[in-house]
Amino acid sequence: MAEEISTPDTETLSFEDALRALETIVRRLESGDVPLDESISLYAKGEELRKRCTERLQAAEARIAKLTVDANGAVTGAQSFGAD
């Protein structure tokens, strides 16, 4: 029987878990052994996971960009993800 892609709600996945699940989907699709209907479902799940990974990377990038550095180059503080 085919390996089942079982992931919790995409919104609750960490970046690493979402990326791992996405890599599994890509491997299955690239194998060429997946029936068409299942391929379509896998593609849709892969797109959800790709979006989640992109969101997490953008949030991390925004947080890094908000780090403040003093005159000596030392980090003096950081704002949370939600802060503007």
PDB file of N, CA and C in Angstrom:
ATOM      1  N   MET A   1       0.851  -1.188   0.000  1.00  0.00           N
ATOM      2  CA  MET A   1       0.000   0.000   0.000  1.00  0.00           C
ATOM      3  C   MET A   1       0.887   1.237   0.000  1.00  0.00           C
ATOM      4  N   ALA A   2       0.424   2.311  -0.588  1.00  0.00           N
ATOM      5  CA  ALA A   2       1.202   3.549  -0.702  1.00  0.00           C
ATOM      6  C   ALA A   2       1.395   4.190   0.661  1.00  0.00           C
ATOM      7  N   GLU A   3       2.542   4.855   0.803  1.00  0.00           N
ATOM      8  CA  GLU A   3       2.828   5.593   2.037  1.00  0.00           C
ATOM      9  C   GLU A   3       1.826   6.728   2.165  1.00  0.00           C
ATOM     10  N   GLU A   4       1.199   6.827   3.303  1.00  0.00           N
ATOM     11  CA  GLU A   4       0.195   7.866   3.534  1.00  0.00           C
ATOM     12  C   GLU A   4       0.858   9.137   4.040  1.00  0.00           C
ATOM     13  N   ILE A   5       0.473  10.260   3.468  1.00  0.00           N
ATOM     14  CA  ILE A   5       0.956  11.551   3.946  1.00  0.00           C
ATOM     15  C   ILE A   5      -0.032  12.003   5.007  1.00  0.00           C
ATOM     16  N   SER A   6       0.372  11.904   6.247  1.00  0.00           N
ATOM     17  CA  SER A   6      -0.492  12.283   7.346  1.00  0.00           C
ATOM     18  C   SER A   6       0.158  13.427   8.105  1.00  0.00           C
ATOM     19  N   THR A   7      -0.443  14.591   8.008  1.00  0.00           N
ATOM     20  CA  THR A   7       0.077  15.740   8.734  1.00  0.00           C
ATOM     21  C   THR A   7      -1.068  16.382   9.488  1.00  0.00           C
ATOM     22  N   PRO A   8      -0.770  16.924  10.662  1.00  0.00           N
ATOM     23  CA  PRO A   8      -1.802  17.671  11.371  1.00  0.00           C
ATOM     24  C   PRO A   8      -2.156  18.922  10.570  1.00  0.00           C
ATOM     25  N   ASP A   9      -3.073  19.676  11.076  1.00  0.00           N
ATOM     26  CA  ASP A   9      -3.429  20.930  10.429  1.00  0.00           C
ATOM     27  C   ASP A   9      -2.151  21.680  10.057  1.00  0.00           C
ATOM     28  N   THR A  10      -2.040  22.080   8.818  1.00  0.00           N
ATOM     29  CA  THR A  10      -0.838  22.739   8.309  1.00  0.00           C
ATOM     30  C   THR A  10      -0.455  23.946   9.148  1.00  0.00           C
ATOM     31  N   GLU A  11      -1.427  24.670   9.660  1.00  0.00           N
ATOM     32  CA  GLU A  11      -1.158  25.883  10.439  1.00  0.00           C
ATOM     33  C   GLU A  11      -0.416  25.607  11.741  1.00  0.00           C
ATOM     34  N   THR A  12      -0.507  24.391  12.248  1.00  0.00           N
ATOM     35  CA  THR A  12       0.143  24.084  13.523  1.00  0.00           C
ATOM     36  C   THR A  12       1.534  23.489  13.359  1.00  0.00           C
ATOM     37  N   LEU A  13       1.936  23.207  12.130  1.00  0.00           N
ATOM     38  CA  LEU A  13       3.241  22.585  11.897  1.00  0.00           C
ATOM     39  C   LEU A  13       4.385  23.574  12.061  1.00  0.00           C
ATOM     40  N   SER A  14       5.465  23.086  12.617  1.00  0.00           N
ATOM     41  CA  SER A  14       6.687  23.893  12.643  1.00  0.00           C
ATOM     42  C   SER A  14       7.237  23.955  11.221  1.00  0.00           C
ATOM     43  N   PHE A  15       8.152  24.871  10.998  1.00  0.00           N
ATOM     44  CA  PHE A  15       8.785  24.966   9.684  1.00  0.00           C
ATOM     45  C   PHE A  15       9.424  23.631   9.304  1.00  0.00           C
ATOM     46  N   GLU A  16      10.156  23.045  10.239  1.00  0.00           N
ATOM     47  CA  GLU A  16      10.877  21.798   9.957  1.00  0.00           C
ATOM     48  C   GLU A  16       9.932  20.652   9.617  1.00  0.00           C
ATOM     49  N   ASP A  17       8.825  20.539  10.358  1.00  0.00           N
ATOM     50  CA  ASP A  17       7.859  19.474  10.084  1.00  0.00           C
ATOM     51  C   ASP A  17       7.168  19.687   8.742  1.00  0.00           C
ATOM     52  N   ALA A  18       6.819  20.928   8.441  1.00  0.00           N
ATOM     53  CA  ALA A  18       6.181  21.230   7.159  1.00  0.00           C
ATOM     54  C   ALA A  18       7.132  20.934   6.004  1.00  0.00           C
ATOM     55  N   LEU A  19       8.388  21.303   6.158  1.00  0.00           N
ATOM     56  CA  LEU A  19       9.374  21.054   5.104  1.00  0.00           C
ATOM     57  C   LEU A  19       9.578  19.557   4.901  1.00  0.00           C
ATOM     58  N   ARG A  20       9.646  18.802   5.994  1.00  0.00           N
ATOM     59  CA  ARG A  20       9.807  17.346   5.899  1.00  0.00           C
ATOM     60  C   ARG A  20       8.628  16.716   5.153  1.00  0.00           C
ATOM     61  N   ALA A  21       7.417  17.138   5.496  1.00  0.00           N
ATOM     62  CA  ALA A  21       6.224  16.611   4.831  1.00  0.00           C
ATOM     63  C   ALA A  21       6.223  16.991   3.354  1.00  0.00           C
ATOM     64  N   LEU A  22       6.620  18.220   3.055  1.00  0.00           N
ATOM     65  CA  LEU A  22       6.686  18.672   1.666  1.00  0.00           C
ATOM     66  C   LEU A  22       7.700  17.855   0.874  1.00  0.00           C
ATOM     67  N   GLU A  23       8.853  17.592   1.463  1.00  0.00           N
ATOM     68  CA  GLU A  23       9.875  16.785   0.786  1.00  0.00           C
ATOM     69  C   GLU A  23       9.369  15.373   0.496  1.00  0.00           C
ATOM     70  N   THR A  24       8.599  14.807   1.417  1.00  0.00           N
ATOM     71  CA  THR A  24       8.025  13.477   1.207  1.00  0.00           C
ATOM     72  C   THR A  24       7.060  13.496   0.031  1.00  0.00           C
ATOM     73  N   ILE A  25       6.231  14.524  -0.033  1.00  0.00           N
ATOM     74  CA  ILE A  25       5.284  14.654  -1.142  1.00  0.00           C
ATOM     75  C   ILE A  25       6.025  14.794  -2.465  1.00  0.00           C
ATOM     76  N   VAL A  26       7.039  15.624  -2.497  1.00  0.00           N
ATOM     77  CA  VAL A  26       7.810  15.825  -3.732  1.00  0.00           C
ATOM     78  C   VAL A  26       8.418  14.499  -4.195  1.00  0.00           C
ATOM     79  N   ARG A  27       9.006  13.746  -3.270  1.00  0.00           N
ATOM     80  CA  ARG A  27       9.592  12.442  -3.638  1.00  0.00           C
ATOM     81  C   ARG A  27       8.540  11.518  -4.237  1.00  0.00           C
ATOM     82  N   ARG A  28       7.363  11.485  -3.632  1.00  0.00           N
ATOM     83  CA  ARG A  28       6.293  10.611  -4.147  1.00  0.00           C
ATOM     84  C   ARG A  28       5.846  11.044  -5.527  1.00  0.00           C
ATOM     85  N   LEU A  29       5.673  12.348  -5.716  1.00  0.00           N
ATOM     86  CA  LEU A  29       5.241  12.828  -7.026  1.00  0.00           C
ATOM     87  C   LEU A  29       6.308  12.589  -8.089  1.00  0.00           C
ATOM     88  N   GLU A  30       7.568  12.785  -7.724  1.00  0.00           N
ATOM     89  CA  GLU A  30       8.654  12.587  -8.680  1.00  0.00           C
ATOM     90  C   GLU A  30       8.854  11.121  -9.041  1.00  0.00           C
ATOM     91  N   SER A  31       8.395  10.215  -8.192  1.00  0.00           N
ATOM     92  CA  SER A  31       8.560   8.787  -8.471  1.00  0.00           C
ATOM     93  C   SER A  31       7.754   8.367  -9.697  1.00  0.00           C
ATOM     94  N   GLY A  32       6.662   9.081  -9.967  1.00  0.00           N
ATOM     95  CA  GLY A  32       5.823   8.755 -11.114  1.00  0.00           C
ATOM     96  C   GLY A  32       4.922   7.553 -10.889  1.00  0.00           C
ATOM     97  N   ASP A  33       4.906   7.021  -9.678  1.00  0.00           N
ATOM     98  CA  ASP A  33       4.121   5.826  -9.377  1.00  0.00           C
ATOM     99  C   ASP A  33       2.794   6.125  -8.689  1.00  0.00           C
ATOM    100  N   VAL A  34       2.413   7.381  -8.630  1.00  0.00           N
ATOM    101  CA  VAL A  34       1.205   7.777  -7.911  1.00  0.00           C
ATOM    102  C   VAL A  34       0.078   7.981  -8.924  1.00  0.00           C
ATOM    103  N   PRO A  35      -1.095   7.374  -8.680  1.00  0.00           N
ATOM    104  CA  PRO A  35      -2.232   7.571  -9.583  1.00  0.00           C
ATOM    105  C   PRO A  35      -2.614   9.056  -9.684  1.00  0.00           C
ATOM    106  N   LEU A  36      -3.248   9.419 -10.766  1.00  0.00           N
ATOM    107  CA  LEU A  36      -3.578  10.815 -11.054  1.00  0.00           C
ATOM    108  C   LEU A  36      -4.357  11.490  -9.928  1.00  0.00           C
ATOM    109  N   ASP A  37      -5.429  10.877  -9.471  1.00  0.00           N
ATOM    110  CA  ASP A  37      -6.244  11.510  -8.421  1.00  0.00           C
ATOM    111  C   ASP A  37      -5.437  11.739  -7.149  1.00  0.00           C
ATOM    112  N   GLU A  38      -4.623  10.757  -6.787  1.00  0.00           N
ATOM    113  CA  GLU A  38      -3.787  10.914  -5.605  1.00  0.00           C
ATOM    114  C   GLU A  38      -2.729  11.991  -5.838  1.00  0.00           C
ATOM    115  N   SER A  39      -2.210  12.063  -7.060  1.00  0.00           N
ATOM    116  CA  SER A  39      -1.225  13.103  -7.396  1.00  0.00           C
ATOM    117  C   SER A  39      -1.810  14.493  -7.207  1.00  0.00           C
ATOM    118  N   ILE A  40      -3.056  14.658  -7.614  1.00  0.00           N
ATOM    119  CA  ILE A  40      -3.718  15.959  -7.468  1.00  0.00           C
ATOM    120  C   ILE A  40      -3.880  16.305  -5.989  1.00  0.00           C
ATOM    121  N   SER A  41      -4.284  15.331  -5.188  1.00  0.00           N
ATOM    122  CA  SER A  41      -4.422  15.562  -3.744  1.00  0.00           C
ATOM    123  C   SER A  41      -3.081  15.885  -3.107  1.00  0.00           C
ATOM    124  N   LEU A  42      -2.049  15.141  -3.498  1.00  0.00           N
ATOM    125  CA  LEU A  42      -0.712  15.399  -2.966  1.00  0.00           C
ATOM    126  C   LEU A  42      -0.223  16.780  -3.370  1.00  0.00           C
ATOM    127  N   TYR A  43      -0.490  17.165  -4.604  1.00  0.00           N
ATOM    128  CA  TYR A  43      -0.068  18.484  -5.074  1.00  0.00           C
ATOM    129  C   TYR A  43      -0.733  19.583  -4.242  1.00  0.00           C
ATOM    130  N   ALA A  44      -2.032  19.428  -3.981  1.00  0.00           N
ATOM    131  CA  ALA A  44      -2.762  20.425  -3.182  1.00  0.00           C
ATOM    132  C   ALA A  44      -2.190  20.500  -1.768  1.00  0.00           C
ATOM    133  N   LYS A  45      -1.911  19.357  -1.159  1.00  0.00           N
ATOM    134  CA  LYS A  45      -1.325  19.344   0.186  1.00  0.00           C
ATOM    135  C   LYS A  45       0.066  19.963   0.150  1.00  0.00           C
ATOM    136  N   GLY A  46       0.818  19.670  -0.894  1.00  0.00           N
ATOM    137  CA  GLY A  46       2.148  20.254  -1.050  1.00  0.00           C
ATOM    138  C   GLY A  46       2.095  21.765  -1.151  1.00  0.00           C
ATOM    139  N   GLU A  47       1.106  22.274  -1.841  1.00  0.00           N
ATOM    140  CA  GLU A  47       0.955  23.727  -1.970  1.00  0.00           C
ATOM    141  C   GLU A  47       0.650  24.355  -0.611  1.00  0.00           C
ATOM    142  N   GLU A  48      -0.195  23.703   0.195  1.00  0.00           N
ATOM    143  CA  GLU A  48      -0.468  24.198   1.555  1.00  0.00           C
ATOM    144  C   GLU A  48       0.818  24.236   2.378  1.00  0.00           C
ATOM    145  N   LEU A  49       1.597  23.180   2.274  1.00  0.00           N
ATOM    146  CA  LEU A  49       2.844  23.098   3.031  1.00  0.00           C
ATOM    147  C   LEU A  49       3.855  24.134   2.551  1.00  0.00           C
ATOM    148  N   ARG A  50       3.910  24.359   1.248  1.00  0.00           N
ATOM    149  CA  ARG A  50       4.817  25.372   0.699  1.00  0.00           C
ATOM    150  C   ARG A  50       4.456  26.746   1.239  1.00  0.00           C
ATOM    151  N   LYS A  51       3.157  27.042   1.277  1.00  0.00           N
ATOM    152  CA  LYS A  51       2.706  28.327   1.821  1.00  0.00           C
ATOM    153  C   LYS A  51       3.105  28.463   3.284  1.00  0.00           C
ATOM    154  N   ARG A  52       2.930  27.390   4.054  1.00  0.00           N
ATOM    155  CA  ARG A  52       3.288  27.419   5.480  1.00  0.00           C
ATOM    156  C   ARG A  52       4.780  27.686   5.648  1.00  0.00           C
ATOM    157  N   CYS A  53       5.599  27.005   4.864  1.00  0.00           N
ATOM    158  CA  CYS A  53       7.050  27.217   4.949  1.00  0.00           C
ATOM    159  C   CYS A  53       7.403  28.657   4.594  1.00  0.00           C
ATOM    160  N   THR A  54       6.794  29.179   3.553  1.00  0.00           N
ATOM    161  CA  THR A  54       7.057  30.557   3.136  1.00  0.00           C
ATOM    162  C   THR A  54       6.656  31.541   4.229  1.00  0.00           C
ATOM    163  N   GLU A  55       5.486  31.331   4.831  1.00  0.00           N
ATOM    164  CA  GLU A  55       5.030  32.213   5.912  1.00  0.00           C
ATOM    165  C   GLU A  55       5.997  32.196   7.088  1.00  0.00           C
ATOM    166  N   ARG A  56       6.434  30.997   7.474  1.00  0.00           N
ATOM    167  CA  ARG A  56       7.360  30.883   8.608  1.00  0.00           C
ATOM    168  C   ARG A  56       8.698  31.546   8.297  1.00  0.00           C
ATOM    169  N   LEU A  57       9.195  31.382   7.080  1.00  0.00           N
ATOM    170  CA  LEU A  57      10.457  32.022   6.697  1.00  0.00           C
ATOM    171  C   LEU A  57      10.321  33.541   6.685  1.00  0.00           C
ATOM    172  N   GLN A  58       9.204  34.045   6.166  1.00  0.00           N
ATOM    173  CA  GLN A  58       8.991  35.492   6.136  1.00  0.00           C
ATOM    174  C   GLN A  58       8.881  36.054   7.549  1.00  0.00           C
ATOM    175  N   ALA A  59       8.215  35.325   8.439  1.00  0.00           N
ATOM    176  CA  ALA A  59       8.097  35.780   9.826  1.00  0.00           C
ATOM    177  C   ALA A  59       9.468  35.808  10.495  1.00  0.00           C
ATOM    178  N   ALA A  60      10.272  34.794  10.248  1.00  0.00           N
ATOM    179  CA  ALA A  60      11.620  34.763  10.827  1.00  0.00           C
ATOM    180  C   ALA A  60      12.472  35.897  10.265  1.00  0.00           C
ATOM    181  N   GLU A  61      12.360  36.138   8.979  1.00  0.00           N
ATOM    182  CA  GLU A  61      13.110  37.230   8.346  1.00  0.00           C
ATOM    183  C   GLU A  61      12.705  38.580   8.934  1.00  0.00           C
ATOM    184  N   ALA A  62      11.404  38.772   9.146  1.00  0.00           N
ATOM    185  CA  ALA A  62      10.923  40.027   9.727  1.00  0.00           C
ATOM    186  C   ALA A  62      11.448  40.198  11.148  1.00  0.00           C
ATOM    187  N   ARG A  63      11.465  39.132  11.898  1.00  0.00           N
ATOM    188  CA  ARG A  63      11.965  39.210  13.275  1.00  0.00           C
ATOM    189  C   ARG A  63      13.452  39.555  13.285  1.00  0.00           C
ATOM    190  N   ILE A  64      14.214  38.929  12.421  1.00  0.00           N
ATOM    191  CA  ILE A  64      15.648  39.218  12.336  1.00  0.00           C
ATOM    192  C   ILE A  64      15.875  40.669  11.934  1.00  0.00           C
ATOM    193  N   ALA A  65      15.070  41.158  10.999  1.00  0.00           N
ATOM    194  CA  ALA A  65      15.209  42.536  10.535  1.00  0.00           C
ATOM    195  C   ALA A  65      14.921  43.535  11.651  1.00  0.00           C
ATOM    196  N   LYS A  66      14.139  43.135  12.648  1.00  0.00           N
ATOM    197  CA  LYS A  66      13.780  44.040  13.737  1.00  0.00           C
ATOM    198  C   LYS A  66      14.777  44.021  14.890  1.00  0.00           C
ATOM    199  N   LEU A  67      15.775  43.178  14.808  1.00  0.00           N
ATOM    200  CA  LEU A  67      16.801  43.179  15.855  1.00  0.00           C
ATOM    201  C   LEU A  67      17.475  44.540  15.867  1.00  0.00           C
ATOM    202  N   THR A  68      17.721  45.043  17.044  1.00  0.00           N
ATOM    203  CA  THR A  68      18.416  46.323  17.145  1.00  0.00           C
ATOM    204  C   THR A  68      19.848  46.084  17.576  1.00  0.00           C
ATOM    205  N   VAL A  69      20.748  46.875  17.035  1.00  0.00           N
ATOM    206  CA  VAL A  69      22.170  46.717  17.311  1.00  0.00           C
ATOM    207  C   VAL A  69      22.706  48.051  17.810  1.00  0.00           C
ATOM    208  N   ASP A  70      23.519  48.010  18.896  1.00  0.00           N
ATOM    209  CA  ASP A  70      24.097  49.250  19.409  1.00  0.00           C
ATOM    210  C   ASP A  70      25.357  49.624  18.624  1.00  0.00           C
ATOM    211  N   ALA A  71      25.999  50.705  19.021  1.00  0.00           N
ATOM    212  CA  ALA A  71      27.170  51.221  18.312  1.00  0.00           C
ATOM    213  C   ALA A  71      28.317  50.219  18.265  1.00  0.00           C
ATOM    214  N   ASN A  72      28.384  49.326  19.228  1.00  0.00           N
ATOM    215  CA  ASN A  72      29.442  48.312  19.266  1.00  0.00           C
ATOM    216  C   ASN A  72      29.077  47.053  18.483  1.00  0.00           C
ATOM    217  N   GLY A  73      27.902  47.040  17.906  1.00  0.00           N
ATOM    218  CA  GLY A  73      27.469  45.878  17.139  1.00  0.00           C
ATOM    219  C   GLY A  73      26.795  44.807  17.967  1.00  0.00           C
ATOM    220  N   ALA A  74      26.528  45.096  19.239  1.00  0.00           N
ATOM    221  CA  ALA A  74      25.876  44.118  20.109  1.00  0.00           C
ATOM    222  C   ALA A  74      24.362  44.224  19.973  1.00  0.00           C
ATOM    223  N   VAL A  75      23.701  43.085  19.966  1.00  0.00           N
ATOM    224  CA  VAL A  75      22.242  43.065  19.900  1.00  0.00           C
ATOM    225  C   VAL A  75      21.705  43.590  21.224  1.00  0.00           C
ATOM    226  N   THR A  76      20.841  44.605  21.151  1.00  0.00           N
ATOM    227  CA  THR A  76      20.300  45.209  22.366  1.00  0.00           C
ATOM    228  C   THR A  76      18.849  44.836  22.607  1.00  0.00           C
ATOM    229  N   GLY A  77      18.210  44.224  21.674  1.00  0.00           N
ATOM    230  CA  GLY A  77      16.826  43.835  21.875  1.00  0.00           C
ATOM    231  C   GLY A  77      16.213  43.362  20.584  1.00  0.00           C
ATOM    232  N   ALA A  78      15.093  42.737  20.708  1.00  0.00           N
ATOM    233  CA  ALA A  78      14.356  42.268  19.538  1.00  0.00           C
ATOM    234  C   ALA A  78      12.882  42.414  19.834  1.00  0.00           C
ATOM    235  N   GLN A  79      12.127  42.688  18.811  1.00  0.00           N
ATOM    236  CA  GLN A  79      10.690  42.779  18.958  1.00  0.00           C
ATOM    237  C   GLN A  79      10.097  41.422  18.621  1.00  0.00           C
ATOM    238  N   SER A  80       8.934  41.139  19.161  1.00  0.00           N
ATOM    239  CA  SER A  80       8.280  39.865  18.888  1.00  0.00           C
ATOM    240  C   SER A  80       7.773  39.838  17.456  1.00  0.00           C
ATOM    241  N   PHE A  81       7.365  38.654  16.996  1.00  0.00           N
ATOM    242  CA  PHE A  81       6.859  38.487  15.635  1.00  0.00           C
ATOM    243  C   PHE A  81       5.742  39.466  15.311  1.00  0.00           C
ATOM    244  N   GLY A  82       4.855  39.709  16.249  1.00  0.00           N
ATOM    245  CA  GLY A  82       3.696  40.538  15.983  1.00  0.00           C
ATOM    246  C   GLY A  82       3.938  42.027  16.075  1.00  0.00           C
ATOM    247  N   ALA A  83       5.077  42.439  16.575  1.00  0.00           N
ATOM    248  CA  ALA A  83       5.343  43.871  16.749  1.00  0.00           C
ATOM    249  C   ALA A  83       5.695  44.526  15.426  1.00  0.00           C
ATOM    250  N   ASP A  84       5.287  45.770  15.270  1.00  0.00           N
ATOM    251  CA  ASP A  84       5.608  46.515  14.038  1.00  0.00           C
ATOM    252  C   ASP A  84       6.635  47.565  14.304  1.00  0.00           C
TER     253      ASP A  84
END
